[in-house]
PDB file of N, CA and C in Angstrom:
ATOM      1  N   MET A   1       5.899 -64.828 120.332  1.00  0.00           N
ATOM      2  CA  MET A   1       6.078 -63.907 119.229  1.00  0.00           C
ATOM      3  C   MET A   1       6.707 -62.607 119.746  1.00  0.00           C
ATOM      4  N   LYS A   2       7.797 -62.197 119.148  1.00  0.00           N
ATOM      5  CA  LYS A   2       8.508 -60.994 119.565  1.00  0.00           C
ATOM      6  C   LYS A   2       7.938 -59.774 118.841  1.00  0.00           C
ATOM      7  N   ALA A   3       7.916 -58.661 119.552  1.00  0.00           N
ATOM      8  CA  ALA A   3       7.487 -57.417 118.928  1.00  0.00           C
ATOM      9  C   ALA A   3       8.620 -56.896 118.050  1.00  0.00           C
ATOM     10  N   LYS A   4       8.252 -56.383 116.913  1.00  0.00           N
ATOM     11  CA  LYS A   4       9.269 -55.838 116.003  1.00  0.00           C
ATOM     12  C   LYS A   4       9.744 -54.486 116.505  1.00  0.00           C
ATOM     13  N   LYS A   5      11.016 -54.263 116.407  1.00  0.00           N
ATOM     14  CA  LYS A   5      11.573 -52.970 116.781  1.00  0.00           C
ATOM     15  C   LYS A   5      11.460 -52.020 115.592  1.00  0.00           C
ATOM     16  N   ASN A   6      11.212 -50.779 115.912  1.00  0.00           N
ATOM     17  CA  ASN A   6      11.179 -49.769 114.856  1.00  0.00           C
ATOM     18  C   ASN A   6      12.589 -49.517 114.366  1.00  0.00           C
ATOM     19  N   PRO A   7      12.753 -49.284 113.080  1.00  0.00           N
ATOM     20  CA  PRO A   7      14.080 -48.923 112.582  1.00  0.00           C
ATOM     21  C   PRO A   7      14.522 -47.615 113.235  1.00  0.00           C
ATOM     22  N   PRO A   8      15.819 -47.370 113.329  1.00  0.00           N
ATOM     23  CA  PRO A   8      16.324 -46.178 114.010  1.00  0.00           C
ATOM     24  C   PRO A   8      15.792 -44.864 113.447  1.00  0.00           C
ATOM     25  N   HIS A   9      15.491 -44.825 112.154  1.00  0.00           N
ATOM     26  CA  HIS A   9      15.029 -43.556 111.583  1.00  0.00           C
ATOM     27  C   HIS A   9      13.604 -43.223 111.997  1.00  0.00           C
ATOM     28  N   HIS A  10      12.896 -44.133 112.647  1.00  0.00           N
ATOM     29  CA  HIS A  10      11.558 -43.854 113.142  1.00  0.00           C
ATOM     30  C   HIS A  10      11.558 -43.484 114.615  1.00  0.00           C
ATOM     31  N   SER A  11      12.678 -43.581 115.245  1.00  0.00           N
ATOM     32  CA  SER A  11      12.782 -43.293 116.663  1.00  0.00           C
ATOM     33  C   SER A  11      12.692 -41.787 116.890  1.00  0.00           C
ATOM     34  N   ALA A  12      11.985 -41.405 117.932  1.00  0.00           N
ATOM     35  CA  ALA A  12      11.833 -39.985 118.245  1.00  0.00           C
ATOM     36  C   ALA A  12      13.167 -39.369 118.658  1.00  0.00           C
ATOM     37  N   LYS A  13      14.010 -40.166 119.293  1.00  0.00           N
ATOM     38  CA  LYS A  13      15.282 -39.627 119.753  1.00  0.00           C
ATOM     39  C   LYS A  13      16.247 -39.362 118.603  1.00  0.00           C
ATOM     40  N   SER A  14      16.187 -40.185 117.571  1.00  0.00           N
ATOM     41  CA  SER A  14      17.165 -40.029 116.502  1.00  0.00           C
ATOM     42  C   SER A  14      16.684 -39.129 115.372  1.00  0.00           C
ATOM     43  N   SER A  15      15.414 -38.737 115.386  1.00  0.00           N
ATOM     44  CA  SER A  15      14.953 -37.887 114.289  1.00  0.00           C
ATOM     45  C   SER A  15      15.193 -36.428 114.649  1.00  0.00           C
ATOM     46  N   LYS A  16      16.091 -35.828 113.955  1.00  0.00           N
ATOM     47  CA  LYS A  16      16.394 -34.420 114.147  1.00  0.00           C
ATOM     48  C   LYS A  16      16.110 -33.700 112.848  1.00  0.00           C
ATOM     49  N   ARG A  17      15.419 -32.609 112.972  1.00  0.00           N
ATOM     50  CA  ARG A  17      15.112 -31.831 111.783  1.00  0.00           C
ATOM     51  C   ARG A  17      16.257 -30.874 111.493  1.00  0.00           C
ATOM     52  N   VAL A  18      16.558 -30.747 110.247  1.00  0.00           N
ATOM     53  CA  VAL A  18      17.604 -29.827 109.829  1.00  0.00           C
ATOM     54  C   VAL A  18      16.926 -28.558 109.360  1.00  0.00           C
ATOM     55  N   LYS A  19      17.288 -27.456 109.982  1.00  0.00           N
ATOM     56  CA  LYS A  19      16.696 -26.183 109.594  1.00  0.00           C
ATOM     57  C   LYS A  19      17.425 -25.633 108.383  1.00  0.00           C
ATOM     58  N   SER A  20      16.652 -25.130 107.458  1.00  0.00           N
ATOM     59  CA  SER A  20      17.280 -24.542 106.274  1.00  0.00           C
ATOM     60  C   SER A  20      17.742 -23.130 106.606  1.00  0.00           C
ATOM     61  N   GLY A  21      18.853 -22.746 106.047  1.00  0.00           N
ATOM     62  CA  GLY A  21      19.406 -21.424 106.292  1.00  0.00           C
ATOM     63  C   GLY A  21      20.030 -21.341 107.665  1.00  0.00           C
ATOM     64  N   SER A  22      20.585 -20.212 107.961  1.00  0.00           N
ATOM     65  CA  SER A  22      21.155 -20.017 109.286  1.00  0.00           C
ATOM     66  C   SER A  22      20.726 -18.656 109.787  1.00  0.00           C
ATOM     67  N   LYS A  23      20.640 -18.543 111.088  1.00  0.00           N
ATOM     68  CA  LYS A  23      20.222 -17.278 111.678  1.00  0.00           C
ATOM     69  C   LYS A  23      21.307 -16.234 111.475  1.00  0.00           C
ATOM     70  N   GLY A  24      20.888 -15.044 111.175  1.00  0.00           N
ATOM     71  CA  GLY A  24      21.820 -13.951 111.050  1.00  0.00           C
ATOM     72  C   GLY A  24      22.568 -13.875 109.730  1.00  0.00           C
ATOM     73  N   ALA A  25      22.375 -14.850 108.857  1.00  0.00           N
ATOM     74  CA  ALA A  25      23.083 -14.821 107.577  1.00  0.00           C
ATOM     75  C   ALA A  25      22.352 -13.866 106.632  1.00  0.00           C
ATOM     76  N   ALA A  26      23.041 -12.858 106.195  1.00  0.00           N
ATOM     77  CA  ALA A  26      22.450 -11.898 105.273  1.00  0.00           C
ATOM     78  C   ALA A  26      22.545 -12.435 103.850  1.00  0.00           C
ATOM     79  N   THR A  27      21.448 -12.354 103.144  1.00  0.00           N
ATOM     80  CA  THR A  27      21.443 -12.784 101.749  1.00  0.00           C
ATOM     81  C   THR A  27      21.078 -11.594 100.886  1.00  0.00           C
ATOM     82  N   ALA A  28      21.650 -11.535  99.726  1.00  0.00           N
ATOM     83  CA  ALA A  28      21.356 -10.450  98.801  1.00  0.00           C
ATOM     84  C   ALA A  28      19.948 -10.648  98.244  1.00  0.00           C
ATOM     85  N   PRO A  29      19.171  -9.568  98.122  1.00  0.00           N
ATOM     86  CA  PRO A  29      17.830  -9.716  97.559  1.00  0.00           C
ATOM     87  C   PRO A  29      17.902 -10.175  96.109  1.00  0.00           C
ATOM     88  N   ILE A  30      16.959 -10.987  95.730  1.00  0.00           N
ATOM     89  CA  ILE A  30      16.903 -11.495  94.363  1.00  0.00           C
ATOM     90  C   ILE A  30      16.166 -10.483  93.504  1.00  0.00           C
ATOM     91  N   ALA A  31      16.743 -10.131  92.384  1.00  0.00           N
ATOM     92  CA  ALA A  31      16.108  -9.183  91.476  1.00  0.00           C
ATOM     93  C   ALA A  31      14.874  -9.832  90.852  1.00  0.00           C
ATOM     94  N   PRO A  32      13.727  -9.136  90.874  1.00  0.00           N
ATOM     95  CA  PRO A  32      12.516  -9.720  90.305  1.00  0.00           C
ATOM     96  C   PRO A  32      12.595  -9.795  88.782  1.00  0.00           C
ATOM     97  N   ASP A  33      11.891 -10.745  88.243  1.00  0.00           N
ATOM     98  CA  ASP A  33      11.808 -10.903  86.798  1.00  0.00           C
ATOM     99  C   ASP A  33      11.075  -9.692  86.216  1.00  0.00           C
ATOM    100  N   PRO A  34      11.632  -9.026  85.218  1.00  0.00           N
ATOM    101  CA  PRO A  34      10.980  -7.844  84.636  1.00  0.00           C
ATOM    102  C   PRO A  34       9.566  -8.139  84.123  1.00  0.00           C
ATOM    103  N   ARG A  35       9.345  -9.331  83.622  1.00  0.00           N
ATOM    104  CA  ARG A  35       8.008  -9.686  83.133  1.00  0.00           C
ATOM    105  C   ARG A  35       7.008  -9.736  84.285  1.00  0.00           C
ATOM    106  N   PHE A  36       7.423 -10.304  85.432  1.00  0.00           N
ATOM    107  CA  PHE A  36       6.567 -10.371  86.607  1.00  0.00           C
ATOM    108  C   PHE A  36       6.178  -8.968  87.059  1.00  0.00           C
ATOM    109  N   VAL A  37       7.164  -8.067  87.124  1.00  0.00           N
ATOM    110  CA  VAL A  37       6.915  -6.701  87.578  1.00  0.00           C
ATOM    111  C   VAL A  37       5.993  -5.976  86.609  1.00  0.00           C
ATOM    112  N   SER A  38       6.235  -6.109  85.307  1.00  0.00           N
ATOM    113  CA  SER A  38       5.379  -5.411  84.339  1.00  0.00           C
ATOM    114  C   SER A  38       3.957  -5.959  84.360  1.00  0.00           C
ATOM    115  N   ASP A  39       3.794  -7.263  84.610  1.00  0.00           N
ATOM    116  CA  ASP A  39       2.454  -7.839  84.721  1.00  0.00           C
ATOM    117  C   ASP A  39       1.729  -7.314  85.956  1.00  0.00           C
ATOM    118  N   LEU A  40       2.448  -7.140  87.060  1.00  0.00           N
ATOM    119  CA  LEU A  40       1.831  -6.575  88.260  1.00  0.00           C
ATOM    120  C   LEU A  40       1.317  -5.168  88.005  1.00  0.00           C
ATOM    121  N   VAL A  41       2.122  -4.373  87.322  1.00  0.00           N
ATOM    122  CA  VAL A  41       1.735  -2.990  87.034  1.00  0.00           C
ATOM    123  C   VAL A  41       0.547  -2.971  86.080  1.00  0.00           C
ATOM    124  N   THR A  42       0.567  -3.831  85.061  1.00  0.00           N
ATOM    125  CA  THR A  42      -0.525  -3.879  84.084  1.00  0.00           C
ATOM    126  C   THR A  42      -1.846  -4.260  84.744  1.00  0.00           C
ATOM    127  N   ARG A  43      -1.806  -5.234  85.641  1.00  0.00           N
ATOM    128  CA  ARG A  43      -3.023  -5.692  86.319  1.00  0.00           C
ATOM    129  C   ARG A  43      -3.479  -4.729  87.408  1.00  0.00           C
ATOM    130  N   GLY A  44      -2.626  -3.810  87.816  1.00  0.00           N
ATOM    131  CA  GLY A  44      -2.980  -2.884  88.886  1.00  0.00           C
ATOM    132  C   GLY A  44      -2.667  -3.432  90.265  1.00  0.00           C
ATOM    133  N   ASP A  45      -1.903  -4.518  90.330  1.00  0.00           N
ATOM    134  CA  ASP A  45      -1.530  -5.095  91.619  1.00  0.00           C
ATOM    135  C   ASP A  45      -0.367  -4.344  92.262  1.00  0.00           C
ATOM    136  N   ALA A  46       0.360  -3.556  91.507  1.00  0.00           N
ATOM    137  CA  ALA A  46       1.465  -2.756  92.035  1.00  0.00           C
ATOM    138  C   ALA A  46       1.130  -1.284  91.852  1.00  0.00           C
ATOM    139  N   ALA A  47       1.377  -0.504  92.893  1.00  0.00           N
ATOM    140  CA  ALA A  47       1.080   0.923  92.822  1.00  0.00           C
ATOM    141  C   ALA A  47       2.070   1.694  93.677  1.00  0.00           C
ATOM    142  N   GLU A  48       2.191   2.975  93.382  1.00  0.00           N
ATOM    143  CA  GLU A  48       3.033   3.874  94.168  1.00  0.00           C
ATOM    144  C   GLU A  48       2.283   4.248  95.447  1.00  0.00           C
ATOM    145  N   PRO A  49       2.969   4.271  96.572  1.00  0.00           N
ATOM    146  CA  PRO A  49       2.325   4.761  97.799  1.00  0.00           C
ATOM    147  C   PRO A  49       2.010   6.251  97.665  1.00  0.00           C
ATOM    148  N   THR A  50       0.945   6.691  98.306  1.00  0.00           N
ATOM    149  CA  THR A  50       0.601   8.113  98.295  1.00  0.00           C
ATOM    150  C   THR A  50       1.565   8.870  99.191  1.00  0.00           C
ATOM    151  N   ALA A  51       1.382  10.178  99.296  1.00  0.00           N
ATOM    152  CA  ALA A  51       2.272  11.002 100.109  1.00  0.00           C
ATOM    153  C   ALA A  51       2.256  10.584 101.574  1.00  0.00           C
ATOM    154  N   ASP A  52       1.113  10.093 102.047  1.00  0.00           N
ATOM    155  CA  ASP A  52       1.044   9.645 103.446  1.00  0.00           C
ATOM    156  C   ASP A  52       1.395   8.169 103.608  1.00  0.00           C
ATOM    157  N   GLY A  53       1.882   7.520 102.530  1.00  0.00           N
ATOM    158  CA  GLY A  53       2.385   6.154 102.605  1.00  0.00           C
ATOM    159  C   GLY A  53       1.358   5.058 102.406  1.00  0.00           C
ATOM    160  N   LYS A  54       0.136   5.418 102.027  1.00  0.00           N
ATOM    161  CA  LYS A  54      -0.915   4.411 101.849  1.00  0.00           C
ATOM    162  C   LYS A  54      -0.990   3.967 100.395  1.00  0.00           C
ATOM    163  N   LEU A  55      -1.453   2.726 100.209  1.00  0.00           N
ATOM    164  CA  LEU A  55      -1.664   2.173  98.870  1.00  0.00           C
ATOM    165  C   LEU A  55      -3.153   2.056  98.601  1.00  0.00           C
ATOM    166  N   PRO A  56      -3.549   2.053  97.320  1.00  0.00           N
ATOM    167  CA  PRO A  56      -4.944   1.764  97.011  1.00  0.00           C
ATOM    168  C   PRO A  56      -5.306   0.363  97.515  1.00  0.00           C
ATOM    169  N   LEU A  57      -6.565   0.133  97.831  1.00  0.00           N
ATOM    170  CA  LEU A  57      -6.988  -1.150  98.390  1.00  0.00           C
ATOM    171  C   LEU A  57      -6.725  -2.323  97.457  1.00  0.00           C
ATOM    172  N   GLU A  58      -6.780  -2.097  96.146  1.00  0.00           N
ATOM    173  CA  GLU A  58      -6.575  -3.203  95.207  1.00  0.00           C
ATOM    174  C   GLU A  58      -5.101  -3.541  94.989  1.00  0.00           C
ATOM    175  N   ALA A  59      -4.197  -2.709  95.462  1.00  0.00           N
ATOM    176  CA  ALA A  59      -2.761  -2.956  95.273  1.00  0.00           C
ATOM    177  C   ALA A  59      -2.241  -3.915  96.335  1.00  0.00           C
ATOM    178  N   THR A  60      -1.452  -4.894  95.895  1.00  0.00           N
ATOM    179  CA  THR A  60      -0.836  -5.837  96.821  1.00  0.00           C
ATOM    180  C   THR A  60       0.682  -5.670  96.872  1.00  0.00           C
ATOM    181  N   TYR A  61       1.230  -4.890  95.968  1.00  0.00           N
ATOM    182  CA  TYR A  61       2.670  -4.628  95.912  1.00  0.00           C
ATOM    183  C   TYR A  61       2.899  -3.134  95.868  1.00  0.00           C
ATOM    184  N   ALA A  62       3.942  -2.674  96.544  1.00  0.00           N
ATOM    185  CA  ALA A  62       4.340  -1.268  96.506  1.00  0.00           C
ATOM    186  C   ALA A  62       5.552  -1.130  95.594  1.00  0.00           C
ATOM    187  N   VAL A  63       5.530  -0.127  94.741  1.00  0.00           N
ATOM    188  CA  VAL A  63       6.667   0.147  93.867  1.00  0.00           C
ATOM    189  C   VAL A  63       7.777   0.728  94.734  1.00  0.00           C
ATOM    190  N   THR A  64       8.949   0.105  94.682  1.00  0.00           N
ATOM    191  CA  THR A  64      10.062   0.564  95.518  1.00  0.00           C
ATOM    192  C   THR A  64      11.161   1.249  94.717  1.00  0.00           C
ATOM    193  N   GLU A  65      11.242   0.952  93.430  1.00  0.00           N
ATOM    194  CA  GLU A  65      12.326   1.523  92.628  1.00  0.00           C
ATOM    195  C   GLU A  65      11.889   1.614  91.167  1.00  0.00           C
ATOM    196  N   ARG A  66      12.319   2.686  90.511  1.00  0.00           N
ATOM    197  CA  ARG A  66      12.015   2.873  89.084  1.00  0.00           C
ATOM    198  C   ARG A  66      13.314   2.980  88.291  1.00  0.00           C
ATOM    199  N   ASN A  67      13.241   2.585  87.025  1.00  0.00           N
ATOM    200  CA  ASN A  67      14.364   2.740  86.100  1.00  0.00           C
ATOM    201  C   ASN A  67      14.436   4.200  85.661  1.00  0.00           C
ATOM    202  N   PRO A  68      15.566   4.630  85.091  1.00  0.00           N
ATOM    203  CA  PRO A  68      15.678   6.018  84.615  1.00  0.00           C
ATOM    204  C   PRO A  68      14.609   6.387  83.577  1.00  0.00           C
ATOM    205  N   ASP A  69      14.129   5.401  82.820  1.00  0.00           N
ATOM    206  CA  ASP A  69      13.109   5.697  81.814  1.00  0.00           C
ATOM    207  C   ASP A  69      11.696   5.733  82.400  1.00  0.00           C
ATOM    208  N   GLY A  70      11.545   5.527  83.717  1.00  0.00           N
ATOM    209  CA  GLY A  70      10.248   5.625  84.371  1.00  0.00           C
ATOM    210  C   GLY A  70       9.535   4.304  84.581  1.00  0.00           C
ATOM    211  N   THR A  71      10.045   3.223  84.009  1.00  0.00           N
ATOM    212  CA  THR A  71       9.414   1.921  84.214  1.00  0.00           C
ATOM    213  C   THR A  71       9.741   1.398  85.609  1.00  0.00           C
ATOM    214  N   VAL A  72       8.888   0.533  86.102  1.00  0.00           N
ATOM    215  CA  VAL A  72       9.075  -0.009  87.453  1.00  0.00           C
ATOM    216  C   VAL A  72      10.184  -1.045  87.437  1.00  0.00           C
ATOM    217  N   LYS A  73      11.125  -0.909  88.367  1.00  0.00           N
ATOM    218  CA  LYS A  73      12.253  -1.830  88.447  1.00  0.00           C
ATOM    219  C   LYS A  73      12.039  -2.892  89.517  1.00  0.00           C
ATOM    220  N   SER A  74      11.548  -2.489  90.692  1.00  0.00           N
ATOM    221  CA  SER A  74      11.336  -3.465  91.758  1.00  0.00           C
ATOM    222  C   SER A  74      10.097  -3.109  92.574  1.00  0.00           C
ATOM    223  N   VAL A  75       9.530  -4.139  93.174  1.00  0.00           N
ATOM    224  CA  VAL A  75       8.331  -3.993  93.993  1.00  0.00           C
ATOM    225  C   VAL A  75       8.536  -4.750  95.301  1.00  0.00           C
ATOM    226  N   ARG A  76       7.672  -4.455  96.265  1.00  0.00           N
ATOM    227  CA  ARG A  76       7.711  -5.110  97.575  1.00  0.00           C
ATOM    228  C   ARG A  76       6.299  -5.543  97.928  1.00  0.00           C
ATOM    229  N   ALA A  77       6.126  -6.793  98.318  1.00  0.00           N
ATOM    230  CA  ALA A  77       4.810  -7.292  98.710  1.00  0.00           C
ATOM    231  C   ALA A  77       4.401  -6.642 100.026  1.00  0.00           C
ATOM    232  N   VAL A  78       3.173  -6.149 100.076  1.00  0.00           N
ATOM    233  CA  VAL A  78       2.711  -5.475 101.287  1.00  0.00           C
ATOM    234  C   VAL A  78       1.465  -6.117 101.877  1.00  0.00           C
ATOM    235  N   ARG A  79       0.675  -6.806 101.097  1.00  0.00           N
ATOM    236  CA  ARG A  79      -0.518  -7.478 101.614  1.00  0.00           C
ATOM    237  C   ARG A  79      -0.960  -8.571 100.688  1.00  0.00           C
ATOM    238  N   LYS A  80      -1.824  -9.431 101.203  1.00  0.00           N
ATOM    239  CA  LYS A  80      -2.401 -10.527 100.415  1.00  0.00           C
ATOM    240  C   LYS A  80      -3.788 -10.115  99.980  1.00  0.00           C
ATOM    241  N   LYS A  81      -4.236 -10.654  98.858  1.00  0.00           N
ATOM    242  CA  LYS A  81      -5.590 -10.405  98.404  1.00  0.00           C
ATOM    243  C   LYS A  81      -6.546 -11.349  99.109  1.00  0.00           C
ATOM    244  N   LEU A  82      -7.645 -10.821  99.558  1.00  0.00           N
ATOM    245  CA  LEU A  82      -8.689 -11.635 100.161  1.00  0.00           C
ATOM    246  C   LEU A  82      -9.876 -11.636  99.206  1.00  0.00           C
ATOM    247  N   PHE A  83     -10.094 -12.754  98.577  1.00  0.00           N
ATOM    248  CA  PHE A  83     -11.183 -12.823  97.599  1.00  0.00           C
ATOM    249  C   PHE A  83     -12.480 -13.147  98.257  1.00  0.00           C
TER     250      PHE A  83
END
């Protein structure tokens, strides 16, 4: 009885992983959905940094940009919530 050979796609030598993206390629930031940003502000998950650059403990996003009318335009994730 002969041992079965593994198909080539199972061989360690032939399996190469393709990395997504490329190093050094600059991508334009994606504009956040206005609904997502307004929900963050409503829930208190987004806040303005204080004068010394600190955020309240309950905030997970920092407000980075405001619209001319004062509404929040963009935020930046700064920490994860630990429940």
